[in-house]
């Protein structure tokens, strides 16, 4: 079903909404895109009825870290193919990183991305641009933050590269705080990581590959938190956190009351650096896969609330780009279509997170960090829903991905839990 009916009844679902505190089995009636009734709903012959059989109905998921490559690298991914991938993964919103060509450092590019998102698949997925923190992502001069905010940017980052200059980072904190938007840091001290491909340690040595030490991440996070104390009105968010040391630093910052948050990718709470020993370039990402201890630390930090968000860092590359020597391959893997399954399998099934906690990491917390309106599943609210089956077992088949790219280390992996359907912007669509 591509177009939302005027009246839709979702039968026998289980609403879990961290914002309202709801956890109940019920029906939902949606009329003209708004939730008209929650409870027992009697349908008529003209109604469209979807039987959920106990599937979870959650506030629409948002991935606050994706690379859709448009404009400039459409051979890897377009906004259209990226949105298709988001639909398949169960996301009603995504945030596009600025390492495009041209980069998202001009209000015209922000407007283009927002408008293009509204044009594909009826606009069911909200596409929010994350603007560059510095002009050209060069790290030397701040981008025009006021204009970018007015055009619709929801955060600032030079992702793909760190904001290496302490002076620029300080200024970025000060100016972004005027608009209430976060600075998202790709936490990597470049003089420590330069030339590396994998995590520095035993497995890098065994594989004969140049390493990126974990301190490349912790040094940068430590520096940024010192700057954040100097600019306490700013919002600081660490992208794709990967080391126990960095998590400990964020834990300490939260205890101090600093406005510091972070995200973790499914690959960083699922795979360790042992995976590189097969020389599969789909295990090459930045930050790199870390040790088993770091993987455990990510799960524990999710459980303890230190890590606020699960985000994919969806980074498409072509087969030709990845089928080269490990050291020459680009960093990055795709993740939109496997994120929910990995999180349900690795975190909920292993009892690190409850279903409500999982939904908070995928929906409530990222919206709070980005100052986006919270989604409430209640009568009178606009319907923005992710519906998923936490028990469905399935096998990852990268050939069936909606993304243009296939660069995943999870092909043929069996997972438990999958997105079933979305309702957003008055459109209902199955995640197939």
Protein backbone atom coordinates (compact mmCIF):
# COMPACT_ATOMS: atom_id res chain seq x y z
CA UNK A 1 0.00 0.00 0.00
CA UNK A 2 1.70 3.16 -1.14
CA UNK A 3 -0.94 5.76 -0.37
CA UNK A 4 -2.48 6.20 3.05
CA UNK A 5 -6.23 5.49 3.19
CA UNK A 6 -8.55 8.09 4.69
CA UNK A 7 -9.31 5.65 7.50
CA UNK A 8 -6.95 2.95 8.71
CA UNK A 9 -7.42 0.57 11.62
CA UNK A 10 -4.42 -1.18 13.13
CA UNK A 11 -5.81 -4.21 14.99
CA UNK A 12 -4.30 -6.04 17.94
CA UNK A 13 -1.01 -4.19 18.24
CA UNK A 14 1.09 -3.48 21.30
CA UNK A 15 1.81 0.21 21.76
CA UNK A 16 5.10 1.01 23.49
CA UNK A 17 5.62 4.75 23.79
CA UNK A 18 8.37 6.03 26.13
CA UNK A 19 7.03 9.60 25.91
CA UNK A 20 3.52 8.87 27.22
CA UNK A 21 4.53 5.77 29.15
CA UNK A 22 2.04 3.60 27.27
CA UNK A 23 2.55 -0.16 27.07
CA UNK A 24 -0.78 -1.65 26.07
CA UNK A 25 -2.37 -4.09 23.66
CA UNK A 26 -5.08 -2.35 21.66
CA UNK A 27 -6.36 -1.15 18.31
CA UNK A 28 -5.56 2.21 16.72
CA UNK A 29 -7.86 4.11 14.38
CA UNK A 30 -6.15 6.66 12.12
CA UNK A 31 -8.28 9.12 10.17
CA UNK A 32 -6.71 11.62 7.75
CA UNK A 33 -3.30 11.02 9.29
CA UNK A 34 -4.33 11.63 12.91
CA UNK A 35 -4.93 9.10 15.68
CA UNK A 36 -8.67 9.25 16.35
CA UNK A 37 -9.06 6.37 18.77
CA UNK A 38 -6.90 4.04 20.85
CA UNK A 39 -8.63 1.05 22.44
CA UNK A 40 -11.15 -1.39 21.04
CA UNK A 41 -12.12 -0.27 17.54
CA UNK A 42 -14.96 -1.78 15.53
CA UNK A 43 -14.39 -1.69 11.80
CA UNK A 44 -16.86 -1.35 8.95
CA UNK A 45 -16.65 -2.94 5.52
CA UNK A 46 -15.17 0.20 3.96
CA UNK A 47 -12.32 0.49 6.45
CA UNK A 48 -8.79 -0.62 5.70
CA UNK A 49 -7.81 -3.01 8.49
CA UNK A 50 -4.28 -4.22 9.16
CA UNK A 51 -4.01 -7.17 11.54
CA UNK A 52 -0.88 -6.79 13.66
CA UNK A 53 -1.13 -9.95 15.81
CA UNK A 54 0.73 -8.37 18.71
CA UNK A 55 3.40 -6.57 16.71
CA UNK A 56 4.97 -3.53 18.39
CA UNK A 57 3.67 -0.06 17.51
CA UNK A 58 6.33 2.53 18.39
CA UNK A 59 6.92 6.24 17.79
CA UNK A 60 8.53 6.55 14.37
CA UNK A 61 12.25 5.72 14.37
CA UNK A 62 14.85 8.26 13.30
CA UNK A 63 18.39 7.50 12.20
CA UNK A 64 20.38 10.60 13.05
CA UNK A 65 23.47 9.54 11.10
CA UNK A 66 23.21 8.49 7.45
CA UNK A 67 25.17 9.24 4.28
CA UNK A 68 22.86 9.43 1.27
CA UNK A 69 25.70 10.73 -0.99
CA UNK A 70 23.47 13.13 -2.94
CA UNK A 71 24.53 15.58 -4.28
CA UNK A 72 27.75 14.47 -5.91
CA UNK A 73 28.08 10.72 -5.38
CA UNK A 74 24.78 9.39 -6.69
CA UNK A 75 26.47 6.25 -8.03
CA UNK A 76 26.74 5.09 -4.40
CA UNK A 77 23.35 6.24 -3.11
CA UNK A 78 20.67 8.79 -3.87
CA UNK A 79 18.12 10.34 -1.58
CA UNK A 80 15.53 8.16 -3.31
CA UNK A 81 17.43 4.88 -2.83
CA UNK A 82 18.44 5.92 0.68
CA UNK A 83 14.82 6.57 1.61
CA UNK A 84 13.87 3.18 0.18
CA UNK A 85 16.49 1.63 2.43
CA UNK A 86 15.15 3.60 5.41
CA UNK A 87 11.63 2.36 4.73
CA UNK A 88 12.84 -1.23 4.61
CA UNK A 89 14.63 -0.73 7.91
CA UNK A 90 11.67 0.85 9.70
CA UNK A 91 12.70 4.52 9.85
CA UNK A 92 10.29 7.41 9.35
CA UNK A 93 13.09 9.99 9.50
CA UNK A 94 16.80 10.23 8.73
CA UNK A 95 19.52 12.86 9.12
CA UNK A 96 21.95 13.24 6.20
CA UNK A 97 25.61 13.96 6.87
CA UNK A 98 27.31 16.78 4.95
CA UNK A 99 30.21 14.99 3.20
CA UNK A 100 28.57 15.43 -0.18
CA UNK A 101 29.80 17.36 -3.22
CA UNK A 102 29.09 20.20 -2.78
CA UNK A 103 29.05 19.76 0.99
CA UNK A 104 26.04 20.88 3.00
CA UNK A 105 27.58 24.23 3.90
CA UNK A 106 25.19 26.44 1.95
CA UNK A 107 21.50 27.07 2.56
CA UNK A 108 20.64 26.11 -1.02
CA UNK A 109 21.95 22.57 -0.46
CA UNK A 110 19.99 22.29 2.80
CA UNK A 111 16.80 23.30 1.00
CA UNK A 112 17.52 20.94 -1.89
CA UNK A 113 17.89 17.93 0.42
CA UNK A 114 14.74 18.76 2.35
CA UNK A 115 12.70 19.25 -0.81
CA UNK A 116 14.06 16.14 -2.49
CA UNK A 117 13.12 14.12 0.57
CA UNK A 118 9.52 15.30 0.24
CA UNK A 119 9.42 14.22 -3.41
CA UNK A 120 10.39 10.55 -3.02
CA UNK A 121 7.96 7.86 -1.86
CA UNK A 122 5.35 10.50 -1.18
CA UNK A 123 7.46 12.06 1.54
CA UNK A 124 6.80 9.24 4.00
CA UNK A 125 10.34 9.61 5.39
CA UNK A 126 11.39 13.00 6.74
CA UNK A 127 14.88 13.82 5.46
CA UNK A 128 16.72 16.27 7.70
CA UNK A 129 20.06 17.76 6.62
CA UNK A 130 22.96 17.97 9.08
CA UNK A 131 25.03 20.93 7.92
CA UNK A 132 28.79 21.25 7.87
CA UNK A 133 30.27 22.92 10.93
CA UNK A 134 32.99 24.53 8.84
CA UNK A 135 33.09 25.79 5.26
CA UNK A 136 33.85 22.96 2.89
CA UNK A 137 34.34 20.75 5.96
CA UNK A 138 37.86 22.13 5.88
CA UNK A 139 38.07 22.79 9.59
CA UNK A 140 39.35 26.35 9.19
CA UNK A 141 36.33 28.67 9.07
CA UNK A 142 32.88 28.28 10.57
CA UNK A 143 29.97 27.71 8.22
CA UNK A 144 27.11 30.27 8.13
CA UNK A 145 25.23 28.61 10.97
CA UNK A 146 22.39 31.14 11.18
CA UNK A 147 21.48 30.76 7.51
CA UNK A 148 21.83 26.98 7.63
CA UNK A 149 19.58 26.76 10.68
CA UNK A 150 16.96 28.97 9.04
CA UNK A 151 17.04 26.74 5.94
CA UNK A 152 16.32 23.64 8.04
CA UNK A 153 19.59 22.13 9.28
CA UNK A 154 19.12 20.17 12.53
CA UNK A 155 22.76 19.92 13.66
CA UNK A 156 26.33 20.72 12.61
CA UNK A 157 29.24 18.38 11.95
CA UNK A 158 32.23 17.82 9.70
CA UNK A 159 31.56 14.07 9.90
CA UNK A 160 33.99 11.99 7.95
CA UNK A 161 36.59 14.28 9.46
CA UNK A 162 37.00 15.64 12.99
CA UNK A 163 36.92 19.28 13.94
CA UNK A 164 40.61 19.12 14.77
CA UNK A 165 41.27 22.74 15.76
CA UNK A 166 40.47 23.49 19.39
CA UNK A 167 39.85 27.14 18.55
CA UNK A 168 37.38 26.29 15.78
CA UNK A 169 35.63 23.78 18.03
CA UNK A 170 35.29 26.40 20.75
CA UNK A 171 33.75 28.85 18.29
CA UNK A 172 31.48 26.14 16.90
CA UNK A 173 30.20 25.47 20.42
CA UNK A 174 29.60 29.15 21.06
CA UNK A 175 27.77 29.88 17.80
CA UNK A 176 25.72 26.68 17.65
CA UNK A 177 24.46 27.31 21.19
CA UNK A 178 22.70 30.42 19.87
CA UNK A 179 20.42 28.13 17.84
CA UNK A 180 20.10 25.25 20.30
CA UNK A 181 21.58 22.76 17.83
CA UNK A 182 24.27 20.19 18.66
CA UNK A 183 27.78 19.92 17.35
CA UNK A 184 28.29 16.31 16.29
CA UNK A 185 31.92 15.30 16.51
CA UNK A 186 33.66 12.60 14.55
CA UNK A 187 35.95 11.94 17.51
CA UNK A 188 39.36 11.20 16.04
CA UNK A 189 42.69 12.87 16.69
CA UNK A 190 44.05 12.82 13.12
CA UNK A 191 47.77 12.75 13.92
CA UNK A 192 47.20 9.56 15.92
CA UNK A 193 45.00 7.82 13.35
CA UNK A 194 46.71 8.86 10.12
CA UNK A 195 47.41 5.92 7.82
CA UNK A 196 45.52 3.38 9.92
CA UNK A 197 42.90 0.95 8.69
CA UNK A 198 41.88 -1.10 11.73
CA UNK A 199 42.04 -1.02 15.51
CA UNK A 200 45.60 -1.00 16.78
CA UNK A 201 46.31 -4.18 18.69
CA UNK A 202 46.84 -7.92 18.44
CA UNK A 203 44.58 -8.55 15.46
CA UNK A 204 46.00 -5.63 13.46
CA UNK A 205 49.49 -7.04 14.00
CA UNK A 206 48.36 -10.53 13.05
CA UNK A 207 46.71 -9.23 9.89
CA UNK A 208 49.66 -7.01 9.01
CA UNK A 209 47.48 -3.91 8.83
CA UNK A 210 48.24 -0.42 10.14
CA UNK A 211 46.37 0.39 13.32
CA UNK A 212 44.27 3.24 14.67
CA UNK A 213 44.81 3.40 18.44
CA UNK A 214 41.80 3.76 20.74
CA UNK A 215 43.38 6.89 22.20
CA UNK A 216 42.72 8.64 18.88
CA UNK A 217 39.09 8.68 20.01
CA UNK A 218 39.57 9.31 23.72
CA UNK A 219 42.04 12.17 23.25
CA UNK A 220 39.56 14.04 21.06
CA UNK A 221 36.57 13.40 23.33
CA UNK A 222 38.62 14.51 26.35
CA UNK A 223 39.64 17.75 24.62
CA UNK A 224 36.11 18.48 23.50
CA UNK A 225 34.67 17.98 26.97
CA UNK A 226 37.16 20.48 28.38
CA UNK A 227 35.99 22.96 25.73
CA UNK A 228 32.38 22.14 26.53
CA UNK A 229 32.94 23.11 30.15
CA UNK A 230 34.17 26.48 28.84
CA UNK A 231 31.04 26.85 26.66
CA UNK A 232 28.41 25.15 28.86
CA UNK A 233 25.40 26.30 26.85
CA UNK A 234 26.51 24.22 23.87
CA UNK A 235 25.25 20.75 22.97
CA UNK A 236 27.92 18.15 22.22
CA UNK A 237 27.23 14.80 20.61
CA UNK A 238 29.83 12.12 19.88
CA UNK A 239 29.13 10.21 16.68
CA UNK A 240 29.72 6.43 16.45
CA UNK A 241 31.46 6.06 19.82
CA UNK A 242 33.54 2.89 19.93
CA UNK A 243 35.87 2.66 22.94
CA UNK A 244 35.40 1.98 26.62
CA UNK A 245 37.60 4.97 27.40
CA UNK A 246 35.40 7.39 25.47
CA UNK A 247 32.27 5.99 27.12
CA UNK A 248 33.85 6.54 30.54
CA UNK A 249 34.56 10.15 29.60
CA UNK A 250 30.92 10.72 28.59
CA UNK A 251 29.79 9.08 31.81
CA UNK A 252 31.90 11.55 33.75
CA UNK A 253 30.61 14.49 31.72
CA UNK A 254 27.00 13.51 32.40
CA UNK A 255 27.73 13.34 36.12
CA UNK A 256 29.04 16.90 35.91
CA UNK A 257 25.82 18.00 34.25
CA UNK A 258 27.41 18.79 30.88
CA UNK A 259 25.18 18.61 27.82
CA UNK A 260 27.09 15.70 26.30
CA UNK A 261 25.46 12.82 24.45
CA UNK A 262 26.62 10.03 22.17
CA UNK A 263 25.53 7.36 19.73
CA UNK A 264 26.71 3.86 18.88
CA UNK A 265 26.32 1.90 15.66
CA UNK A 266 25.05 -1.68 15.52
CA UNK A 267 28.38 -2.87 14.12
CA UNK A 268 30.23 -1.50 17.13
CA UNK A 269 28.05 -3.40 19.60
CA UNK A 270 28.04 -6.56 17.48
CA UNK A 271 31.46 -7.15 15.89
CA UNK A 272 34.98 -7.04 17.32
CA UNK A 273 38.28 -6.54 15.50
CA UNK A 274 38.64 -10.31 15.13
CA UNK A 275 36.41 -9.91 12.09
CA UNK A 276 39.21 -8.20 10.13
CA UNK A 277 41.22 -11.42 9.97
CA UNK A 278 39.14 -12.50 6.95
CA UNK A 279 40.34 -9.35 5.09
CA UNK A 280 36.74 -8.59 4.12
CA UNK A 281 36.80 -4.86 3.37
CA UNK A 282 33.20 -4.70 4.61
CA UNK A 283 34.74 -4.86 8.09
CA UNK A 284 36.60 -1.61 7.43
CA UNK A 285 34.95 1.41 8.98
CA UNK A 286 35.96 4.53 10.87
CA UNK A 287 36.09 4.31 13.82
CA UNK A 288 37.31 0.76 13.34
CA UNK A 289 35.91 -2.34 14.96
CA UNK A 290 37.42 -2.48 18.44
CA UNK A 291 38.17 -5.24 20.95
CA UNK A 292 35.70 -7.66 22.54
CA UNK A 293 35.96 -5.63 25.73
CA UNK A 294 34.93 -2.50 23.85
CA UNK A 295 31.94 -4.34 22.36
CA UNK A 296 30.82 -5.31 25.87
CA UNK A 297 31.38 -1.73 27.01
CA UNK A 298 29.04 -0.47 24.28
CA UNK A 299 26.29 -2.83 25.41
CA UNK A 300 26.76 -1.94 29.06
CA UNK A 301 26.71 1.79 28.29
CA UNK A 302 23.48 1.37 26.32
CA UNK A 303 21.98 -0.49 29.28
CA UNK A 304 23.14 2.16 31.75
CA UNK A 305 21.88 5.10 29.67
CA UNK A 306 25.34 6.53 28.97
CA UNK A 307 24.92 5.92 25.25
CA UNK A 308 21.78 7.80 24.25
CA UNK A 309 21.20 6.78 20.65
CA UNK A 310 21.56 3.89 18.21
CA UNK A 311 22.46 5.27 14.76
CA UNK A 312 23.71 3.42 11.71
CA UNK A 313 26.38 5.60 10.07
CA UNK A 314 24.89 4.18 6.85
CA UNK A 315 27.80 4.66 4.42
CA UNK A 316 27.24 3.25 0.92
CA UNK A 317 30.13 2.36 -1.39
CA UNK A 318 30.15 0.55 -4.70
CA UNK A 319 31.38 -3.02 -5.11
CA UNK A 320 34.34 -1.81 -7.19
CA UNK A 321 35.41 0.58 -4.44
CA UNK A 322 35.36 -2.14 -1.81
CA UNK A 323 36.90 -4.96 -3.89
CA UNK A 324 40.47 -3.73 -3.49
CA UNK A 325 43.28 -4.32 -1.02
CA UNK A 326 42.14 -3.75 2.55
CA UNK A 327 44.37 -0.74 3.12
CA UNK A 328 43.08 0.92 -0.08
CA UNK A 329 39.36 0.37 0.49
CA UNK A 330 37.17 3.24 1.71
CA UNK A 331 35.84 3.21 5.25
CA UNK A 332 32.17 2.47 5.83
CA UNK A 333 29.28 0.03 5.61
CA UNK A 334 25.55 0.35 5.08
CA UNK A 335 23.25 -0.24 8.01
CA UNK A 336 19.68 1.00 7.65
CA UNK A 337 18.19 -2.37 6.74
CA UNK A 338 19.93 -4.41 9.45
CA UNK A 339 19.97 -1.98 12.41
CA UNK A 340 16.70 -2.98 14.04
CA UNK A 341 17.34 -6.70 13.62
CA UNK A 342 20.82 -6.42 15.09
CA UNK A 343 19.59 -4.33 18.02
CA UNK A 344 16.75 -6.72 18.84
CA UNK A 345 19.05 -9.74 18.51
CA UNK A 346 22.10 -8.40 20.33
CA UNK A 347 20.51 -6.11 22.91
CA UNK A 348 16.90 -7.09 23.65
CA UNK A 349 17.34 -10.84 23.27
CA UNK A 350 20.47 -10.68 25.44
CA UNK A 351 18.58 -8.56 28.01
CA UNK A 352 20.74 -5.45 27.82
CA UNK A 353 17.70 -3.39 26.83
CA UNK A 354 13.95 -3.68 27.23
CA UNK A 355 11.78 -2.98 24.22
CA UNK A 356 10.93 0.43 25.70
CA UNK A 357 14.64 1.21 26.13
CA UNK A 358 15.33 0.15 22.54
CA UNK A 359 12.56 2.43 21.25
CA UNK A 360 13.98 5.28 23.32
CA UNK A 361 17.39 4.87 21.61
CA UNK A 362 15.83 4.76 18.14
CA UNK A 363 13.17 7.45 18.54
CA UNK A 364 12.81 9.50 21.69
CA UNK A 365 16.44 10.34 22.51
CA UNK A 366 17.62 11.37 19.03
CA UNK A 367 14.64 13.68 18.66
CA UNK A 368 15.41 15.26 22.01
CA UNK A 369 19.06 15.79 21.08
CA UNK A 370 18.10 17.38 17.75
CA UNK A 371 15.34 19.52 19.29
CA UNK A 372 12.75 17.89 17.02
CA UNK A 373 9.13 17.52 18.19
CA UNK A 374 8.55 14.35 20.15
CA UNK A 375 6.15 11.77 18.74
CA UNK A 376 3.30 10.88 21.08
CA UNK A 377 1.01 7.92 20.44
CA UNK A 378 -2.20 9.38 21.80
CA UNK A 379 -5.60 10.40 20.56
CA UNK A 380 -5.50 13.62 18.59
CA UNK A 381 -1.80 13.34 17.68
CA UNK A 382 -0.51 13.04 14.13
CA UNK A 383 0.39 9.44 13.47
CA UNK A 384 4.12 8.78 13.02
CA UNK A 385 4.64 5.10 13.67
CA UNK A 386 7.16 2.31 13.24
CA UNK A 387 5.60 -1.14 13.50
CA UNK A 388 7.89 -4.12 13.98
CA UNK A 389 7.81 -7.81 14.80
CA UNK A 390 10.38 -8.55 17.54
CA UNK A 391 10.11 -12.31 17.03
CA UNK A 392 10.35 -12.71 13.26
CA UNK A 393 13.46 -14.67 12.29
CA UNK A 394 15.08 -13.81 8.98
CA UNK A 395 18.35 -14.06 7.11
CA UNK A 396 20.18 -11.02 5.79
CA UNK A 397 20.40 -11.11 2.00
CA UNK A 398 22.30 -8.12 0.68
CA UNK A 399 21.05 -8.81 -2.85
CA UNK A 400 17.59 -7.79 -1.66
CA UNK A 401 18.66 -4.50 -0.10
CA UNK A 402 16.85 -1.38 -1.26
CA UNK A 403 20.10 0.57 -1.02
CA UNK A 404 22.15 0.98 -4.17
CA UNK A 405 25.11 -0.51 -2.31
CA UNK A 406 25.78 -3.92 -0.80
CA UNK A 407 28.70 -3.24 1.54
CA UNK A 408 27.66 -5.09 4.68
CA UNK A 409 29.56 -7.55 6.89
CA UNK A 410 26.25 -9.12 7.97
CA UNK A 411 25.23 -10.92 4.78
CA UNK A 412 23.73 -14.38 5.53
CA UNK A 413 23.49 -13.62 9.26
CA UNK A 414 20.30 -14.82 10.93
CA UNK A 415 18.53 -12.19 13.02
CA UNK A 416 15.42 -12.04 15.15
CA UNK A 417 13.21 -9.00 14.73
CA UNK A 418 12.25 -6.98 11.67
CA UNK A 419 10.33 -3.86 10.66
CA UNK A 420 6.81 -4.56 9.41
CA UNK A 421 5.26 -1.23 8.39
CA UNK A 422 5.41 2.56 8.70
CA UNK A 423 2.79 5.25 8.99
CA UNK A 424 3.99 8.81 8.53
CA UNK A 425 2.80 11.98 6.79
CA UNK A 426 -0.56 10.32 6.13
CA UNK A 427 1.01 7.39 4.28
CA UNK A 428 0.95 3.73 5.29
CA UNK A 429 3.59 1.47 3.78
CA UNK A 430 4.78 -2.05 4.42
CA UNK A 431 8.52 -2.44 4.98
CA UNK A 432 9.06 -4.88 2.13
